[in-house]
């Protein structure tokens, strides 16, 4: 037998050995992929619901500066249009609206533990508590007058309410302070001044509370979140992570922040992050650890598509973990459905 004949006789054997080896490698790769998938935790992501909400004719939207969710997952939209306060169901049905002839320029909105609807009006320099049906129950500040004392605000931005009814106001665009009141609206304390040191602020733009009484202030133009106790003692600073515009706090004391990534203050810019270069949602633990980061495409003025945001200003989380967001230039509220 010649060498050539021997090689030809061995070829079928070599072919089957090669095929067997390839199958074993493929099987091992598939098995490894399954092991990786089994070991990997759930990946959380969000998808816009383009059909939410069903806004009826005659109900307007402009800049949506505030958004909140109550204990029944009703969504409260605060907009610079008529009516300024609009209530929607989780399914998108319009329920009611109110606030005409009371609100001049909407900013943030919060739902208190007792169900009160708290808003800040940056044009009238007031903080107002409504009943859920629209009755004015409390108004603080001197309407139409800016100031920096116990009876005045200067463009207040947000309010946070404790379970016992005390509340804290971030005051805000004109002033650089946090103001503490009791449940009846009696002035108790204030702290803060312009600057970038601990306890100093440049545009305290939003405020939130956790279940242990920690107070979180969105120190927007300093690109940081500052943390205080209820007496104004500085506890922590979260820097170099996000330019914060709005808060949402879950029952697990997860601190959600919406805004943009940090960038230098441009020539002629009055405030850091305006205009924002991107759109971010970040979830932090109460100790400042970053737990989750989610980005949304930034839309072009007047051409925003569903799922894009343009100057995201406020966010809220419902009981299912869905995110609601309101933006300024996009002039709308959107629902982002949680998946994993």
Protein backbone atom coordinates (compact mmCIF):
# COMPACT_ATOMS: atom_id res chain seq x y z
CA UNK A 1 0.00 0.00 0.00
CA UNK A 2 1.34 3.34 -0.95
CA UNK A 3 1.54 6.25 1.48
CA UNK A 4 -1.10 8.07 -0.59
CA UNK A 5 -3.52 5.17 -0.21
CA UNK A 6 -2.95 5.15 3.56
CA UNK A 7 -3.73 8.83 3.87
CA UNK A 8 -6.95 8.39 1.86
CA UNK A 9 -8.01 5.51 4.10
CA UNK A 10 -7.42 7.63 7.22
CA UNK A 11 -9.40 10.65 6.02
CA UNK A 12 -12.87 9.40 7.08
CA UNK A 13 -11.53 8.63 10.55
CA UNK A 14 -9.88 12.05 10.82
CA UNK A 15 -13.09 13.76 9.64
CA UNK A 16 -15.23 12.09 12.28
CA UNK A 17 -12.69 12.85 14.99
CA UNK A 18 -12.69 16.52 13.96
CA UNK A 19 -16.50 16.63 13.92
CA UNK A 20 -16.69 15.01 17.35
CA UNK A 21 -14.24 17.56 18.78
CA UNK A 22 -16.24 20.45 17.28
CA UNK A 23 -19.47 19.13 18.78
CA UNK A 24 -17.84 18.82 22.20
CA UNK A 25 -16.56 22.40 22.04
CA UNK A 26 -19.99 23.67 20.99
CA UNK A 27 -21.66 21.69 23.78
CA UNK A 28 -19.23 23.09 26.33
CA UNK A 29 -19.80 26.63 25.03
CA UNK A 30 -23.59 26.26 25.25
CA UNK A 31 -23.26 24.77 28.73
CA UNK A 32 -21.03 27.65 29.81
CA UNK A 33 -23.49 30.17 28.38
CA UNK A 34 -26.33 28.54 30.32
CA UNK A 35 -24.26 28.66 33.50
CA UNK A 36 -23.51 32.35 32.94
CA UNK A 37 -27.19 33.06 32.33
CA UNK A 38 -28.17 31.15 35.44
CA UNK A 39 -25.61 32.98 37.56
CA UNK A 40 -26.37 36.44 36.16
CA UNK A 41 -28.85 38.52 38.11
CA UNK A 42 -31.91 40.11 36.48
CA UNK A 43 -31.21 42.98 34.11
CA UNK A 44 -33.66 45.81 34.77
CA UNK A 45 -34.68 47.99 31.85
CA UNK A 46 -37.51 50.36 30.97
CA UNK A 47 -39.70 50.83 27.91
CA UNK A 48 -41.80 53.88 27.17
CA UNK A 49 -45.56 53.43 26.96
CA UNK A 50 -46.38 55.73 24.02
CA UNK A 51 -50.13 55.44 24.69
CA UNK A 52 -49.87 56.88 28.22
CA UNK A 53 -51.70 59.07 29.11
CA UNK A 54 -54.96 59.68 27.25
CA UNK A 55 -55.09 63.47 27.57
CA UNK A 56 -58.55 64.74 26.65
CA UNK A 57 -59.30 67.71 24.42
CA UNK A 58 -59.03 71.00 26.27
CA UNK A 59 -56.47 69.71 28.77
CA UNK A 60 -53.18 71.39 27.89
CA UNK A 61 -49.53 70.67 28.47
CA UNK A 62 -46.54 72.96 28.45
CA UNK A 63 -43.33 72.45 30.42
CA UNK A 64 -43.96 69.58 32.86
CA UNK A 65 -41.87 70.64 35.83
CA UNK A 66 -43.34 68.33 38.47
CA UNK A 67 -44.69 64.80 38.73
CA UNK A 68 -45.70 62.63 41.67
CA UNK A 69 -47.39 59.30 42.38
CA UNK A 70 -49.74 58.74 45.33
CA UNK A 71 -50.37 55.58 47.36
CA UNK A 72 -52.99 54.42 44.83
CA UNK A 73 -50.62 54.86 41.89
CA UNK A 74 -52.48 57.89 40.61
CA UNK A 75 -50.11 60.20 38.75
CA UNK A 76 -50.09 63.94 39.52
CA UNK A 77 -48.71 66.07 36.70
CA UNK A 78 -47.69 69.69 37.40
CA UNK A 79 -47.45 71.70 34.21
CA UNK A 80 -47.16 75.31 33.09
CA UNK A 81 -50.49 75.13 31.30
CA UNK A 82 -54.21 74.82 32.09
CA UNK A 83 -55.08 73.19 34.37
CA UNK A 84 -51.68 73.25 36.12
CA UNK A 85 -52.43 70.21 38.31
CA UNK A 86 -53.67 67.16 36.38
CA UNK A 87 -54.42 63.71 37.78
CA UNK A 88 -54.19 60.51 35.73
CA UNK A 89 -54.71 56.85 36.49
CA UNK A 90 -51.93 54.32 36.05
CA UNK A 91 -53.80 53.25 32.91
CA UNK A 92 -53.60 56.80 31.55
CA UNK A 93 -57.21 57.89 32.13
CA UNK A 94 -57.62 61.57 32.95
CA UNK A 95 -59.31 61.89 36.35
CA UNK A 96 -59.43 65.62 37.15
CA UNK A 97 -57.52 68.89 37.09
CA UNK A 98 -57.37 72.07 39.14
CA UNK A 99 -55.20 75.02 40.20
CA UNK A 100 -56.29 77.64 37.68
CA UNK A 101 -56.17 81.18 39.06
CA UNK A 102 -53.98 79.97 41.94
CA UNK A 103 -50.72 78.83 40.30
CA UNK A 104 -48.64 81.30 38.28
CA UNK A 105 -45.63 79.13 37.38
CA UNK A 106 -45.36 75.47 38.33
CA UNK A 107 -42.20 73.90 39.73
CA UNK A 108 -42.25 70.69 41.82
CA UNK A 109 -45.19 68.75 43.29
CA UNK A 110 -45.30 66.29 46.20
CA UNK A 111 -48.01 64.14 47.79
CA UNK A 112 -47.76 64.26 51.59
CA UNK A 113 -48.18 61.24 53.89
CA UNK A 114 -51.72 62.40 54.74
CA UNK A 115 -52.64 62.83 51.06
CA UNK A 116 -52.16 66.60 50.79
CA UNK A 117 -50.98 67.95 47.44
CA UNK A 118 -48.01 70.27 47.93
CA UNK A 119 -46.69 72.52 45.18
CA UNK A 120 -44.15 75.30 44.75
CA UNK A 121 -44.93 78.37 42.64
CA UNK A 122 -41.72 80.09 41.56
CA UNK A 123 -43.49 83.15 40.12
CA UNK A 124 -45.68 83.89 43.14
CA UNK A 125 -42.92 82.90 45.64
CA UNK A 126 -45.33 80.58 47.45
CA UNK A 127 -45.71 77.05 48.77
CA UNK A 128 -49.30 75.76 48.66
CA UNK A 129 -51.00 72.67 50.11
CA UNK A 130 -54.19 71.57 48.35
CA UNK A 131 -56.70 68.90 49.27
CA UNK A 132 -56.83 66.07 46.72
CA UNK A 133 -59.87 67.73 45.17
CA UNK A 134 -58.25 71.16 44.82
CA UNK A 135 -59.19 73.14 47.93
CA UNK A 136 -56.38 75.43 49.17
CA UNK A 137 -55.57 74.33 52.74
CA UNK A 138 -52.36 76.28 53.39
CA UNK A 139 -50.35 78.93 51.61
CA UNK A 140 -46.94 80.14 52.80
CA UNK A 141 -44.87 83.01 51.51
CA UNK A 142 -46.08 86.45 50.55
CA UNK A 143 -47.76 86.22 47.17
CA UNK A 144 -45.91 88.27 44.57
CA UNK A 145 -43.14 89.38 46.98
CA UNK A 146 -39.66 87.84 47.08
CA UNK A 147 -37.72 87.87 50.34
CA UNK A 148 -35.41 85.98 52.68
CA UNK A 149 -37.09 85.75 56.08
CA UNK A 150 -39.73 83.78 57.99
CA UNK A 151 -42.60 85.07 55.84
CA UNK A 152 -41.04 85.21 52.37
CA UNK A 153 -39.44 82.92 49.80
CA UNK A 154 -37.54 83.80 46.68
CA UNK A 155 -38.64 81.38 43.96
CA UNK A 156 -39.00 78.25 46.14
CA UNK A 157 -38.39 75.04 44.24
CA UNK A 158 -39.67 72.02 46.20
CA UNK A 159 -41.10 70.72 49.47
CA UNK A 160 -40.65 67.49 51.49
CA UNK A 161 -43.10 66.41 54.18
CA UNK A 162 -42.44 64.27 57.27
CA UNK A 163 -44.91 61.67 58.60
CA UNK A 164 -45.74 63.98 61.53
CA UNK A 165 -46.56 66.86 59.18
CA UNK A 166 -43.43 69.01 59.46
CA UNK A 167 -42.12 70.11 56.08
CA UNK A 168 -38.95 71.43 54.51
CA UNK A 169 -38.76 73.85 51.59
CA UNK A 170 -35.83 74.25 49.21
CA UNK A 171 -35.71 77.99 48.56
CA UNK A 172 -34.32 77.80 45.72
CA UNK A 173 -33.63 80.01 42.71
CA UNK A 174 -33.38 83.38 44.46
CA UNK A 175 -32.29 82.23 47.91
CA UNK A 176 -29.84 79.47 48.83
CA UNK A 177 -31.40 77.82 51.83
CA UNK A 178 -33.64 75.12 53.29
CA UNK A 179 -36.53 76.27 55.50
CA UNK A 180 -38.17 74.07 58.17
CA UNK A 181 -41.84 74.54 59.26
CA UNK A 182 -44.09 72.63 61.61
CA UNK A 183 -47.35 71.03 60.48
CA UNK A 184 -49.24 74.28 60.95
CA UNK A 185 -46.82 76.35 58.87
CA UNK A 186 -44.94 77.88 61.80
CA UNK A 187 -41.32 78.75 60.96
CA UNK A 188 -38.85 76.61 62.93
CA UNK A 189 -35.43 76.91 61.32
CA UNK A 190 -33.46 77.59 58.16
CA UNK A 191 -29.95 76.88 56.98
CA UNK A 192 -27.72 77.45 54.00
CA UNK A 193 -26.11 80.25 52.01
CA UNK A 194 -24.57 80.70 48.58
CA UNK A 195 -21.34 78.75 48.07
CA UNK A 196 -19.89 75.32 47.46
CA UNK A 197 -18.85 74.27 50.97
CA UNK A 198 -20.75 71.80 53.17
CA UNK A 199 -24.21 73.19 53.87
CA UNK A 200 -23.88 75.84 51.16
CA UNK A 201 -25.91 75.81 47.95
CA UNK A 202 -26.00 76.98 44.37
CA UNK A 203 -29.57 76.40 43.16
CA UNK A 204 -31.11 74.03 45.72
CA UNK A 205 -33.49 72.67 43.09
CA UNK A 206 -35.30 69.80 44.83
CA UNK A 207 -35.62 68.20 48.26
CA UNK A 208 -36.61 64.75 49.54
CA UNK A 209 -36.85 62.71 52.76
CA UNK A 210 -36.17 59.07 53.55
CA UNK A 211 -37.99 57.02 56.20
CA UNK A 212 -35.30 57.69 58.82
CA UNK A 213 -35.55 61.47 58.52
CA UNK A 214 -32.56 62.02 56.23
CA UNK A 215 -32.97 65.11 54.05
CA UNK A 216 -31.59 65.12 50.51
CA UNK A 217 -31.05 68.41 48.67
CA UNK A 218 -30.40 68.61 44.93
CA UNK A 219 -27.59 71.21 44.92
CA UNK A 220 -27.87 71.47 41.17
CA UNK A 221 -25.33 74.10 40.15
CA UNK A 222 -22.75 72.45 42.41
CA UNK A 223 -23.44 69.10 40.66
CA UNK A 224 -24.04 67.26 43.91
CA UNK A 225 -26.56 65.94 46.40
CA UNK A 226 -26.16 67.03 50.01
CA UNK A 227 -27.56 65.06 52.94
CA UNK A 228 -28.69 66.57 56.28
CA UNK A 229 -30.56 65.61 59.41
CA UNK A 230 -33.80 67.40 60.24
CA UNK A 231 -31.92 70.00 62.30
CA UNK A 232 -29.76 71.02 59.35
CA UNK A 233 -26.62 69.15 60.36
CA UNK A 234 -24.60 68.25 57.29
CA UNK A 235 -24.11 64.47 57.04
CA UNK A 236 -22.78 63.71 53.58
CA UNK A 237 -22.16 65.00 50.05
CA UNK A 238 -22.49 62.96 46.86
CA UNK A 239 -20.33 64.73 44.29
CA UNK A 240 -19.26 64.10 40.70
CA UNK A 241 -22.06 61.72 39.83
CA UNK A 242 -25.03 63.70 38.49
CA UNK A 243 -26.36 67.23 38.06
CA UNK A 244 -29.57 66.68 40.07
CA UNK A 245 -32.90 68.13 38.94
CA UNK A 246 -35.47 66.02 40.81
CA UNK A 247 -35.92 63.19 43.34
CA UNK A 248 -38.08 60.15 43.94
CA UNK A 249 -37.69 57.99 47.07
CA UNK A 250 -38.95 54.39 47.27
CA UNK A 251 -40.30 52.62 50.35
CA UNK A 252 -36.92 50.85 50.54
CA UNK A 253 -35.17 54.22 50.91
CA UNK A 254 -33.68 54.04 47.45
CA UNK A 255 -32.98 57.60 46.33
CA UNK A 256 -33.71 58.12 42.64
CA UNK A 257 -32.29 61.25 41.02
CA UNK A 258 -33.01 62.54 37.53
CA UNK A 259 -30.81 65.02 35.71
CA UNK A 260 -27.71 65.07 33.55
CA UNK A 261 -24.03 64.27 33.79
CA UNK A 262 -21.64 66.91 35.10
CA UNK A 263 -20.10 69.44 32.75
CA UNK A 264 -18.26 72.75 33.09
CA UNK A 265 -20.14 76.01 33.45
CA UNK A 266 -20.10 77.61 30.02
CA UNK A 267 -19.42 81.26 29.33
CA UNK A 268 -22.61 83.20 29.91
CA UNK A 269 -24.35 80.22 31.55
CA UNK A 270 -26.31 81.23 34.62
CA UNK A 271 -26.64 77.70 36.05
CA UNK A 272 -24.69 74.47 35.71
CA UNK A 273 -26.35 71.84 33.55
CA UNK A 274 -28.49 74.30 31.58
CA UNK A 275 -28.87 73.23 28.87
CA UNK A 276 -28.20 69.57 29.82
CA UNK A 277 -26.03 67.56 27.47
CA UNK A 278 -27.71 64.22 28.24
CA UNK A 279 -30.53 62.69 30.32
CA UNK A 280 -29.89 60.38 33.28
CA UNK A 281 -31.73 58.48 35.99
CA UNK A 282 -29.59 57.26 38.89
CA UNK A 283 -30.63 55.16 41.88
CA UNK A 284 -28.60 55.49 45.08
CA UNK A 285 -28.65 53.74 48.43
CA UNK A 286 -29.13 56.03 51.41
CA UNK A 287 -25.37 55.91 52.02
CA UNK A 288 -24.62 57.27 48.54
CA UNK A 289 -23.73 54.00 46.78
CA UNK A 290 -24.80 54.01 43.15
CA UNK A 291 -27.19 51.08 42.61
CA UNK A 292 -28.44 51.67 39.09
CA UNK A 293 -27.87 54.03 36.18
CA UNK A 294 -30.22 54.38 33.24
CA UNK A 295 -29.89 56.82 30.36
CA UNK A 296 -32.54 58.15 27.99
CA UNK A 297 -31.89 59.70 24.57
CA UNK A 298 -32.05 63.49 24.58
CA UNK A 299 -34.57 64.76 22.08
CA UNK A 300 -34.22 67.77 19.82
CA UNK A 301 -36.42 70.79 20.56
CA UNK A 302 -39.81 70.32 18.95
CA UNK A 303 -38.88 66.92 17.49
CA UNK A 304 -38.91 64.71 20.59
CA UNK A 305 -39.93 61.09 19.94
CA UNK A 306 -41.62 58.82 22.49
CA UNK A 307 -38.97 57.61 24.92
CA UNK A 308 -36.77 60.69 24.50
CA UNK A 309 -36.49 63.43 27.11
CA UNK A 310 -35.49 67.05 26.78
CA UNK A 311 -34.57 68.84 30.01
CA UNK A 312 -35.92 66.15 32.32
CA UNK A 313 -37.04 68.02 35.43
CA UNK A 314 -38.97 65.60 37.64
CA UNK A 315 -39.55 61.90 38.20
CA UNK A 316 -41.75 59.57 40.26
CA UNK A 317 -41.87 55.82 40.92
CA UNK A 318 -45.07 53.78 41.30
CA UNK A 319 -45.62 50.61 43.33
CA UNK A 320 -44.61 48.45 40.35
CA UNK A 321 -41.28 50.23 39.87
CA UNK A 322 -42.40 52.08 36.74
CA UNK A 323 -40.85 55.50 36.18
CA UNK A 324 -42.82 58.63 35.34
CA UNK A 325 -40.87 61.61 34.01
CA UNK A 326 -41.70 65.21 33.20
CA UNK A 327 -39.53 67.46 31.07
CA UNK A 328 -39.34 71.15 30.29
CA UNK A 329 -38.54 71.43 26.58
CA UNK A 330 -40.29 68.16 25.74
CA UNK A 331 -43.46 69.59 27.34
CA UNK A 332 -44.92 66.25 28.35
CA UNK A 333 -45.14 63.51 30.96
CA UNK A 334 -44.14 59.97 30.03
CA UNK A 335 -44.44 56.52 31.58
CA UNK A 336 -41.50 54.12 31.36
CA UNK A 337 -42.54 50.53 32.16
CA UNK A 338 -40.11 48.45 34.21
CA UNK A 339 -38.90 45.11 32.79
CA UNK A 340 -36.43 42.49 33.96
